[in-house]
Amino acid sequence: MNFNAKIFTRVFKINLTKTAIIDLDWKLPTLNFMYFDINEGIIGFDDREGNEWRLKAKSKLQNPQCLSLCRLGEVP
């Protein structure tokens, strides 16, 4: 799996589609899949609204240890 100019070689795609929705008033999107890399931890997820979220590193001018998720196709 690769994105943001980085290759992830040890990724598990975890299927969450059978997870029950506990509260019908839940305002946040629920997840279909989570992507876990052995070396990096959670690197992304796909929500049930069709959005694909992936890890994005902050600028080196900011805190280089700080990471965030961004939707694929969005301009950072």
Protein backbone atom coordinates (compact mmCIF):
# COMPACT_ATOMS: atom_id res chain seq x y z
CA MET A 1 0.00 0.00 0.00
CA ASN A 2 1.37 3.44 -0.81
CA PHE A 3 0.23 7.04 -0.53
CA ASN A 4 1.78 10.42 0.25
CA ALA A 5 5.05 9.24 -1.36
CA LYS A 6 5.49 6.49 1.26
CA ILE A 7 5.30 2.73 0.79
CA PHE A 8 3.80 0.59 3.56
CA THR A 9 4.80 -3.05 3.16
CA ARG A 10 3.28 -4.81 6.18
CA VAL A 11 -0.36 -3.69 6.13
CA PHE A 12 -3.37 -5.54 7.48
CA LYS A 13 -6.79 -4.52 6.17
CA ILE A 14 -9.23 -5.09 9.03
CA ASN A 15 -12.85 -5.62 8.01
CA LEU A 16 -15.23 -3.71 10.29
CA THR A 17 -18.38 -4.08 8.18
CA LYS A 18 -19.92 -6.58 10.58
CA THR A 19 -19.58 -4.18 13.52
CA ALA A 20 -23.01 -3.22 14.86
CA ILE A 21 -24.01 0.42 15.07
CA ILE A 22 -24.84 0.93 18.73
CA ASP A 23 -26.52 4.34 18.59
CA LEU A 24 -28.60 5.43 15.59
CA ASP A 25 -28.06 9.08 16.59
CA TRP A 26 -24.26 8.72 16.27
CA LYS A 27 -23.07 11.75 14.26
CA LEU A 28 -19.61 10.53 13.26
CA PRO A 29 -19.15 8.20 10.27
CA THR A 30 -18.83 4.51 11.00
CA LEU A 31 -16.04 2.46 9.46
CA ASN A 32 -15.87 -0.26 6.82
CA PHE A 33 -12.13 -0.98 6.94
CA MET A 34 -9.11 0.01 9.03
CA TYR A 35 -5.54 -0.25 7.72
CA PHE A 36 -2.85 -1.22 10.23
CA ASP A 37 0.85 -1.28 9.34
CA ILE A 38 3.13 -3.35 11.60
CA ASN A 39 5.77 -0.58 11.71
CA GLU A 40 3.53 2.52 11.74
CA GLY A 41 0.32 1.47 13.52
CA ILE A 42 -3.03 2.69 12.16
CA ILE A 43 -2.41 4.36 8.80
CA GLY A 44 -5.96 4.84 7.57
CA PHE A 45 -9.56 3.79 7.33
CA ASP A 46 -12.50 3.77 4.92
CA ASP A 47 -15.79 5.04 6.29
CA ARG A 48 -19.27 3.84 5.33
CA GLU A 49 -19.92 7.07 3.44
CA GLY A 50 -17.31 6.10 0.82
CA ASN A 51 -14.48 8.33 2.11
CA GLU A 52 -10.93 6.99 2.30
CA TRP A 53 -8.85 8.50 5.11
CA ARG A 54 -5.05 8.09 5.19
CA LEU A 55 -2.18 9.19 7.42
CA LYS A 56 -0.63 12.54 6.55
CA ALA A 57 2.65 13.79 8.00
CA LYS A 58 2.82 17.41 9.09
CA SER A 59 5.31 19.80 7.51
CA LYS A 60 8.86 19.57 8.85
CA LEU A 61 8.48 23.22 9.88
CA GLN A 62 5.76 22.06 12.25
CA ASN A 63 6.21 19.25 14.75
CA PRO A 64 7.60 16.35 12.64
CA GLN A 65 6.30 13.83 15.19
CA CYS A 66 2.72 15.02 14.76
CA LEU A 67 0.57 13.07 12.31
CA SER A 68 -3.01 13.48 11.17
CA LEU A 69 -5.52 11.80 8.88
CA CYS A 70 -6.76 13.38 5.67
CA ARG A 71 -9.34 12.27 3.15
CA LEU A 72 -7.76 10.98 -0.09
CA GLY A 73 -8.10 13.56 -2.83
CA GLU A 74 -8.25 16.54 -0.46
CA VAL A 75 -5.68 19.27 -0.83
CA PRO A 76 -3.67 19.36 2.44
